[in-house]
Amino acid sequence: MKCIIPIAGPDYFKNNFCKGLLEFKNDFFLRKILYSRPWIKEVDELIFIMQDIELARDFEKNYLKNWFENSKVIYLSSFTRGAAFSSLAGVALAYDNFDVPLILDLADIYFETDFVPYQNKDRFGYVFYFLNENPIYSYLKVNAEEKIIKTREKKVISNRASAGVYCFPSTSSFIKSIIYSIENKEDLTFNNLHYVCPLINYLIKAGIKTIPIKVSEVFDLKNPLKT
């Protein structure tokens, strides 16, 4: 199982400071988030995507390498058309086996859960969520059987807000979801950007069972009082 963490957006390294180094629960924000994920010990590789700036390289050298020995970093020379495309760069380091599950963790929301995807070697998709109705989030719509039937970016189609962690049953299914997003960009992009949550619509269309996983103790820097 691979995990890609795209932190290449314009707000992650801002005003000469890294958001991941904010103090949170007596730890650094990014480290606390990732070590709280119950699957962290099951992941073969953590693949970080960052902008190629001096602050990011210092962050890797002084923090990431110490926190996560099995981590790798891909540096981007410019911003992409969204986190989905930034995450695609991480596939370059996950090429050894396109059939292994892939977790995309935006790593900007802290939450607690006991669920570890793919422990039973299933081939499902998973999206972690919490209850909210604020349009700053992405949303999942589910059916009576508790299967996800639609996702939308910044559009409140239910009260299930994405917690920013998306699980694809294989690297190849993730790549296919990128293609689907490009082919349906009028419907699946937001502000002309390709976000990760709408990629789940490919899994749904392909008939891959996609399951919502509710989390608790949510903390989000963007909305700390409302989650």
C-alpha atoms as a PDB file:
ATOM      1  CA  MET A   1       0.000   0.000   0.000  1.00  0.00           C
ATOM      2  CA  LYS A   2       1.298   3.423  -1.007  1.00  0.00           C
ATOM      3  CA  CYS A   3       0.307   6.794   0.368  1.00  0.00           C
ATOM      4  CA  ILE A   4       0.627  10.044  -1.561  1.00  0.00           C
ATOM      5  CA  ILE A   5       0.497  13.326   0.344  1.00  0.00           C
ATOM      6  CA  PRO A   6       0.110  16.332  -1.979  1.00  0.00           C
ATOM      7  CA  ILE A   7       1.143  19.447  -0.055  1.00  0.00           C
ATOM      8  CA  ALA A   8       2.106  21.492  -3.107  1.00  0.00           C
ATOM      9  CA  GLY A   9      -0.604  24.132  -2.902  1.00  0.00           C
ATOM     10  CA  PRO A  10       0.165  27.863  -2.640  1.00  0.00           C
ATOM     11  CA  ASP A  11      -0.907  28.082   1.004  1.00  0.00           C
ATOM     12  CA  TYR A  12       1.251  25.309   2.496  1.00  0.00           C
ATOM     13  CA  PHE A  13       4.489  27.277   2.502  1.00  0.00           C
ATOM     14  CA  LYS A  14       3.392  30.843   3.011  1.00  0.00           C
ATOM     15  CA  ASN A  15       4.927  33.938   4.598  1.00  0.00           C
ATOM     16  CA  ASN A  16       8.170  32.020   5.075  1.00  0.00           C
ATOM     17  CA  PHE A  17       6.469  29.378   7.216  1.00  0.00           C
ATOM     18  CA  CYS A  18       5.326  25.774   6.701  1.00  0.00           C
ATOM     19  CA  LYS A  19       1.768  24.954   7.764  1.00  0.00           C
ATOM     20  CA  GLY A  20       2.877  21.461   8.741  1.00  0.00           C
ATOM     21  CA  LEU A  21       5.031  22.934  11.506  1.00  0.00           C
ATOM     22  CA  LEU A  22       2.176  24.579  13.365  1.00  0.00           C
ATOM     23  CA  GLU A  23       1.882  23.391  16.954  1.00  0.00           C
ATOM     24  CA  PHE A  24      -0.982  20.972  17.502  1.00  0.00           C
ATOM     25  CA  LYS A  25      -1.627  18.670  20.469  1.00  0.00           C
ATOM     26  CA  ASN A  26       1.960  19.079  21.687  1.00  0.00           C
ATOM     27  CA  ASP A  27       3.325  18.077  18.307  1.00  0.00           C
ATOM     28  CA  PHE A  28       3.791  19.420  14.786  1.00  0.00           C
ATOM     29  CA  PHE A  29       0.540  19.563  12.809  1.00  0.00           C
ATOM     30  CA  LEU A  30       1.584  17.335   9.882  1.00  0.00           C
ATOM     31  CA  ARG A  31       3.370  14.802  12.043  1.00  0.00           C
ATOM     32  CA  LYS A  32       0.418  14.536  14.421  1.00  0.00           C
ATOM     33  CA  ILE A  33      -2.008  14.049  11.537  1.00  0.00           C
ATOM     34  CA  LEU A  34      -0.060  11.307   9.803  1.00  0.00           C
ATOM     35  CA  TYR A  35       0.921   9.418  12.947  1.00  0.00           C
ATOM     36  CA  SER A  36      -2.734   9.422  13.999  1.00  0.00           C
ATOM     37  CA  ARG A  37      -3.696   7.487  10.868  1.00  0.00           C
ATOM     38  CA  PRO A  38      -4.060   3.854  12.003  1.00  0.00           C
ATOM     39  CA  TRP A  39      -2.697   2.595   8.672  1.00  0.00           C
ATOM     40  CA  ILE A  40       0.607   4.455   8.935  1.00  0.00           C
ATOM     41  CA  LYS A  41       2.541   1.272   9.795  1.00  0.00           C
ATOM     42  CA  GLU A  42       0.906  -0.609   6.931  1.00  0.00           C
ATOM     43  CA  VAL A  43       2.121   1.808   4.266  1.00  0.00           C
ATOM     44  CA  ASP A  44       5.175   0.745   2.270  1.00  0.00           C
ATOM     45  CA  GLU A  45       5.995   4.272   1.154  1.00  0.00           C
ATOM     46  CA  LEU A  46       4.932   7.809   1.957  1.00  0.00           C
ATOM     47  CA  ILE A  47       5.281   9.980  -1.138  1.00  0.00           C
ATOM     48  CA  PHE A  48       5.163  13.728  -0.523  1.00  0.00           C
ATOM     49  CA  ILE A  49       4.527  16.212  -3.327  1.00  0.00           C
ATOM     50  CA  MET A  50       5.870  19.715  -2.698  1.00  0.00           C
ATOM     51  CA  GLN A  51       6.848  22.875  -4.538  1.00  0.00           C
ATOM     52  CA  ASP A  52      10.543  23.117  -5.315  1.00  0.00           C
ATOM     53  CA  ILE A  53      11.397  26.001  -3.034  1.00  0.00           C
ATOM     54  CA  GLU A  54      14.097  26.357  -0.406  1.00  0.00           C
ATOM     55  CA  LEU A  55      11.622  26.234   2.473  1.00  0.00           C
ATOM     56  CA  ALA A  56      10.222  22.905   1.255  1.00  0.00           C
ATOM     57  CA  ARG A  57      13.671  21.369   0.843  1.00  0.00           C
ATOM     58  CA  ASP A  58      14.592  22.486   4.359  1.00  0.00           C
ATOM     59  CA  PHE A  59      11.352  20.952   5.605  1.00  0.00           C
ATOM     60  CA  GLU A  60      12.260  17.617   4.033  1.00  0.00           C
ATOM     61  CA  LYS A  61      15.820  17.648   5.336  1.00  0.00           C
ATOM     62  CA  ASN A  62      15.106  18.796   8.879  1.00  0.00           C
ATOM     63  CA  TYR A  63      11.714  17.205   9.531  1.00  0.00           C
ATOM     64  CA  LEU A  64      10.257  14.735   7.027  1.00  0.00           C
ATOM     65  CA  LYS A  65      13.354  12.528   6.860  1.00  0.00           C
ATOM     66  CA  ASN A  66      13.427  12.342  10.644  1.00  0.00           C
ATOM     67  CA  TRP A  67       9.710  11.679  11.033  1.00  0.00           C
ATOM     68  CA  PHE A  68       9.257   9.159   8.216  1.00  0.00           C
ATOM     69  CA  GLU A  69      12.222   7.032   7.166  1.00  0.00           C
ATOM     70  CA  ASN A  70      10.229   5.405   4.369  1.00  0.00           C
ATOM     71  CA  SER A  71       9.288   8.726   2.787  1.00  0.00           C
ATOM     72  CA  LYS A  72      10.112  10.054  -0.650  1.00  0.00           C
ATOM     73  CA  VAL A  73       9.588  13.509  -2.099  1.00  0.00           C
ATOM     74  CA  ILE A  74       8.755  14.747  -5.566  1.00  0.00           C
ATOM     75  CA  TYR A  75       9.330  18.451  -6.167  1.00  0.00           C
ATOM     76  CA  LEU A  76       7.264  20.413  -8.657  1.00  0.00           C
ATOM     77  CA  SER A  77       8.704  23.419 -10.437  1.00  0.00           C
ATOM     78  CA  SER A  78       5.312  25.148 -10.685  1.00  0.00           C
ATOM     79  CA  PHE A  79       1.749  24.845  -9.477  1.00  0.00           C
ATOM     80  CA  THR A  80      -0.516  22.312 -11.194  1.00  0.00           C
ATOM     81  CA  ARG A  81      -4.225  22.406 -12.024  1.00  0.00           C
ATOM     82  CA  GLY A  82      -5.126  21.044  -8.598  1.00  0.00           C
ATOM     83  CA  ALA A  83      -4.261  18.406  -6.003  1.00  0.00           C
ATOM     84  CA  ALA A  84      -5.396  15.566  -8.273  1.00  0.00           C
ATOM     85  CA  PHE A  85      -2.755  16.437 -10.846  1.00  0.00           C
ATOM     86  CA  SER A  86      -0.113  17.041  -8.175  1.00  0.00           C
ATOM     87  CA  SER A  87      -0.885  13.595  -6.779  1.00  0.00           C
ATOM     88  CA  LEU A  88      -0.449  12.091 -10.215  1.00  0.00           C
ATOM     89  CA  ALA A  89       3.230  13.000 -10.014  1.00  0.00           C
ATOM     90  CA  GLY A  90       3.518  10.622  -7.064  1.00  0.00           C
ATOM     91  CA  VAL A  91       2.622   7.681  -9.268  1.00  0.00           C
ATOM     92  CA  ALA A  92       6.112   7.990 -10.740  1.00  0.00           C
ATOM     93  CA  LEU A  93       7.409   6.550  -7.461  1.00  0.00           C
ATOM     94  CA  ALA A  94       4.662   3.933  -7.160  1.00  0.00           C
ATOM     95  CA  TYR A  95       5.334   2.320 -10.519  1.00  0.00           C
ATOM     96  CA  ASP A  96       6.721  -0.968  -9.208  1.00  0.00           C
ATOM     97  CA  ASN A  97       3.245  -2.425  -8.749  1.00  0.00           C
ATOM     98  CA  PHE A  98       0.200  -0.711 -10.217  1.00  0.00           C
ATOM     99  CA  ASP A  99      -2.119  -3.200  -8.497  1.00  0.00           C
ATOM    100  CA  VAL A 100      -1.334  -2.146  -4.930  1.00  0.00           C
ATOM    101  CA  PRO A 101      -3.877   0.069  -3.135  1.00  0.00           C
ATOM    102  CA  LEU A 102      -3.228   3.785  -3.076  1.00  0.00           C
ATOM    103  CA  ILE A 103      -4.192   6.248  -0.347  1.00  0.00           C
ATOM    104  CA  LEU A 104      -4.320   9.960  -1.113  1.00  0.00           C
ATOM    105  CA  ASP A 105      -4.127  11.930   2.106  1.00  0.00           C
ATOM    106  CA  LEU A 106      -4.436  15.706   1.846  1.00  0.00           C
ATOM    107  CA  ALA A 107      -3.122  15.773   5.433  1.00  0.00           C
ATOM    108  CA  ASP A 108      -4.843  19.012   6.357  1.00  0.00           C
ATOM    109  CA  ILE A 109      -7.586  17.633   8.638  1.00  0.00           C
ATOM    110  CA  TYR A 110      -6.937  15.800  11.883  1.00  0.00           C
ATOM    111  CA  PHE A 111      -9.398  13.081  12.803  1.00  0.00           C
ATOM    112  CA  GLU A 112      -9.590   9.824  14.698  1.00  0.00           C
ATOM    113  CA  THR A 113     -10.634   6.437  13.353  1.00  0.00           C
ATOM    114  CA  ASP A 114      -9.881   2.766  13.949  1.00  0.00           C
ATOM    115  CA  PHE A 115     -10.483   1.730  10.348  1.00  0.00           C
ATOM    116  CA  VAL A 116      -7.518   0.472   8.315  1.00  0.00           C
ATOM    117  CA  PRO A 117      -8.284   0.082   4.598  1.00  0.00           C
ATOM    118  CA  TYR A 118      -7.313  -3.054   2.691  1.00  0.00           C
ATOM    119  CA  GLN A 119      -6.532  -5.184   5.735  1.00  0.00           C
ATOM    120  CA  ASN A 120      -8.695  -7.889   4.171  1.00  0.00           C
ATOM    121  CA  LYS A 121      -7.168  -7.380   0.717  1.00  0.00           C
ATOM    122  CA  ASP A 122     -10.474  -6.138  -0.668  1.00  0.00           C
ATOM    123  CA  ARG A 123     -10.773  -4.095  -3.866  1.00  0.00           C
ATOM    124  CA  PHE A 124     -13.099  -1.327  -2.713  1.00  0.00           C
ATOM    125  CA  GLY A 125     -12.775   2.422  -2.638  1.00  0.00           C
ATOM    126  CA  TYR A 126     -13.041   4.344   0.625  1.00  0.00           C
ATOM    127  CA  VAL A 127     -13.643   7.970   1.564  1.00  0.00           C
ATOM    128  CA  PHE A 128     -13.380   9.226   5.138  1.00  0.00           C
ATOM    129  CA  TYR A 129     -16.008  11.767   6.172  1.00  0.00           C
ATOM    130  CA  PHE A 130     -17.540  13.765   9.017  1.00  0.00           C
ATOM    131  CA  LEU A 131     -20.888  15.497   9.422  1.00  0.00           C
ATOM    132  CA  ASN A 132     -20.982  19.107   8.226  1.00  0.00           C
ATOM    133  CA  GLU A 133     -22.739  21.405   5.771  1.00  0.00           C
ATOM    134  CA  ASN A 134     -20.162  24.108   5.165  1.00  0.00           C
ATOM    135  CA  PRO A 135     -19.493  24.725   1.433  1.00  0.00           C
ATOM    136  CA  ILE A 136     -15.743  24.973   2.031  1.00  0.00           C
ATOM    137  CA  TYR A 137     -15.682  21.163   1.974  1.00  0.00           C
ATOM    138  CA  SER A 138     -16.238  18.422  -0.583  1.00  0.00           C
ATOM    139  CA  TYR A 139     -19.254  16.170  -0.121  1.00  0.00           C
ATOM    140  CA  LEU A 140     -20.379  12.578  -0.577  1.00  0.00           C
ATOM    141  CA  LYS A 141     -23.851  11.334  -1.398  1.00  0.00           C
ATOM    142  CA  VAL A 142     -24.713   7.784  -0.352  1.00  0.00           C
ATOM    143  CA  ASN A 143     -27.571   5.400  -1.016  1.00  0.00           C
ATOM    144  CA  ALA A 144     -29.651   3.322   1.388  1.00  0.00           C
ATOM    145  CA  GLU A 145     -26.989   0.602   1.309  1.00  0.00           C
ATOM    146  CA  GLU A 146     -24.335   3.032   2.579  1.00  0.00           C
ATOM    147  CA  LYS A 147     -22.441   3.091  -0.700  1.00  0.00           C
ATOM    148  CA  ILE A 148     -21.187   6.334  -2.205  1.00  0.00           C
ATOM    149  CA  ILE A 149     -23.094   7.248  -5.371  1.00  0.00           C
ATOM    150  CA  LYS A 150     -21.752  10.761  -6.042  1.00  0.00           C
ATOM    151  CA  THR A 151     -19.083  13.206  -4.885  1.00  0.00           C
ATOM    152  CA  ARG A 152     -18.831  16.928  -5.513  1.00  0.00           C
ATOM    153  CA  GLU A 153     -16.279  19.602  -4.748  1.00  0.00           C
ATOM    154  CA  LYS A 154     -17.444  22.611  -2.683  1.00  0.00           C
ATOM    155  CA  LYS A 155     -21.068  21.656  -3.250  1.00  0.00           C
ATOM    156  CA  VAL A 156     -23.247  20.536  -0.345  1.00  0.00           C
ATOM    157  CA  ILE A 157     -25.045  17.509  -1.788  1.00  0.00           C
ATOM    158  CA  SER A 158     -25.429  15.865   1.649  1.00  0.00           C
ATOM    159  CA  ASN A 159     -24.268  16.389   5.220  1.00  0.00           C
ATOM    160  CA  ARG A 160     -21.233  14.122   4.755  1.00  0.00           C
ATOM    161  CA  ALA A 161     -18.135  16.232   4.298  1.00  0.00           C
ATOM    162  CA  SER A 162     -14.925  14.667   3.099  1.00  0.00           C
ATOM    163  CA  ALA A 163     -12.136  14.457   5.675  1.00  0.00           C
ATOM    164  CA  GLY A 164      -9.524  14.570   2.918  1.00  0.00           C
ATOM    165  CA  VAL A 165      -8.483  10.908   2.740  1.00  0.00           C
ATOM    166  CA  TYR A 166      -9.304   8.884  -0.378  1.00  0.00           C
ATOM    167  CA  CYS A 167      -8.485   5.217  -0.975  1.00  0.00           C
ATOM    168  CA  PHE A 168      -8.193   3.694  -4.430  1.00  0.00           C
ATOM    169  CA  PRO A 169      -8.037  -0.108  -4.793  1.00  0.00           C
ATOM    170  CA  SER A 170      -5.102   0.182  -7.201  1.00  0.00           C
ATOM    171  CA  THR A 171      -2.758   2.738  -8.663  1.00  0.00           C
ATOM    172  CA  SER A 172      -4.223   1.994 -12.087  1.00  0.00           C
ATOM    173  CA  SER A 173      -7.740   2.853 -10.859  1.00  0.00           C
ATOM    174  CA  PHE A 174      -6.409   6.193  -9.685  1.00  0.00           C
ATOM    175  CA  ILE A 175      -4.846   6.877 -13.086  1.00  0.00           C
ATOM    176  CA  LYS A 176      -8.135   5.996 -14.778  1.00  0.00           C
ATOM    177  CA  SER A 177      -9.927   8.386 -12.443  1.00  0.00           C
ATOM    178  CA  ILE A 178      -7.634  11.196 -13.611  1.00  0.00           C
ATOM    179  CA  ILE A 179      -8.541  10.427 -17.222  1.00  0.00           C
ATOM    180  CA  TYR A 180     -12.233  10.434 -16.295  1.00  0.00           C
ATOM    181  CA  SER A 181     -11.814  13.785 -14.559  1.00  0.00           C
ATOM    182  CA  ILE A 182     -10.191  15.297 -17.652  1.00  0.00           C
ATOM    183  CA  GLU A 183     -12.879  13.920 -19.943  1.00  0.00           C
ATOM    184  CA  ASN A 184     -15.613  15.310 -17.665  1.00  0.00           C
ATOM    185  CA  LYS A 185     -13.896  18.489 -16.534  1.00  0.00           C
ATOM    186  CA  GLU A 186     -16.981  20.671 -17.025  1.00  0.00           C
ATOM    187  CA  ASP A 187     -18.780  18.681 -14.342  1.00  0.00           C
ATOM    188  CA  LEU A 188     -15.929  17.580 -12.075  1.00  0.00           C
ATOM    189  CA  THR A 189     -13.644  20.608 -11.763  1.00  0.00           C
ATOM    190  CA  PHE A 190     -14.049  23.577  -9.451  1.00  0.00           C
ATOM    191  CA  ASN A 191     -12.572  26.966 -10.408  1.00  0.00           C
ATOM    192  CA  ASN A 192     -10.877  25.114 -13.261  1.00  0.00           C
ATOM    193  CA  LEU A 193      -8.960  22.936 -10.797  1.00  0.00           C
ATOM    194  CA  HIS A 194      -8.963  19.149 -10.522  1.00  0.00           C
ATOM    195  CA  TYR A 195      -9.546  18.239  -6.881  1.00  0.00           C
ATOM    196  CA  VAL A 196      -9.208  14.725  -5.474  1.00  0.00           C
ATOM    197  CA  CYS A 197     -12.741  14.152  -4.170  1.00  0.00           C
ATOM    198  CA  PRO A 198     -14.418  14.270  -7.629  1.00  0.00           C
ATOM    199  CA  LEU A 199     -12.070  11.491  -8.784  1.00  0.00           C
ATOM    200  CA  ILE A 200     -14.192   9.087  -6.754  1.00  0.00           C
ATOM    201  CA  ASN A 201     -16.909   9.452  -9.385  1.00  0.00           C
ATOM    202  CA  TYR A 202     -14.831   7.261 -11.683  1.00  0.00           C
ATOM    203  CA  LEU A 203     -14.830   4.411  -9.145  1.00  0.00           C
ATOM    204  CA  ILE A 204     -18.609   4.727  -8.901  1.00  0.00           C
ATOM    205  CA  LYS A 205     -19.042   4.698 -12.684  1.00  0.00           C
ATOM    206  CA  ALA A 206     -16.710   1.706 -13.001  1.00  0.00           C
ATOM    207  CA  GLY A 207     -18.853  -0.278 -10.579  1.00  0.00           C
ATOM    208  CA  ILE A 208     -16.220  -0.356  -7.845  1.00  0.00           C
ATOM    209  CA  LYS A 209     -17.958  -0.428  -4.475  1.00  0.00           C
ATOM    210  CA  THR A 210     -16.996   2.751  -2.661  1.00  0.00           C
ATOM    211  CA  ILE A 211     -17.641   2.972   1.057  1.00  0.00           C
ATOM    212  CA  PRO A 212     -17.907   6.020   3.349  1.00  0.00           C
ATOM    213  CA  ILE A 213     -16.017   5.793   6.649  1.00  0.00           C
ATOM    214  CA  LYS A 214     -17.173   8.121   9.408  1.00  0.00           C
ATOM    215  CA  VAL A 215     -14.482   9.700  11.614  1.00  0.00           C
ATOM    216  CA  SER A 216     -14.537  11.556  14.921  1.00  0.00           C
ATOM    217  CA  GLU A 217     -12.621  14.251  16.820  1.00  0.00           C
ATOM    218  CA  VAL A 218     -12.203  16.323  13.665  1.00  0.00           C
ATOM    219  CA  PHE A 219     -10.008  19.418  13.652  1.00  0.00           C
ATOM    220  CA  ASP A 220      -9.498  21.572  10.585  1.00  0.00           C
ATOM    221  CA  LEU A 221      -7.413  24.750  10.550  1.00  0.00           C
ATOM    222  CA  LYS A 222      -9.732  26.267   7.937  1.00  0.00           C
ATOM    223  CA  ASN A 223     -12.778  25.862  10.164  1.00  0.00           C
ATOM    224  CA  PRO A 224     -11.620  25.028  13.716  1.00  0.00           C
ATOM    225  CA  LEU A 225     -14.830  25.962  15.511  1.00  0.00           C
ATOM    226  CA  LYS A 226     -17.369  24.338  13.211  1.00  0.00           C
ATOM    227  CA  THR A 227     -16.233  20.751  12.572  1.00  0.00           C
END
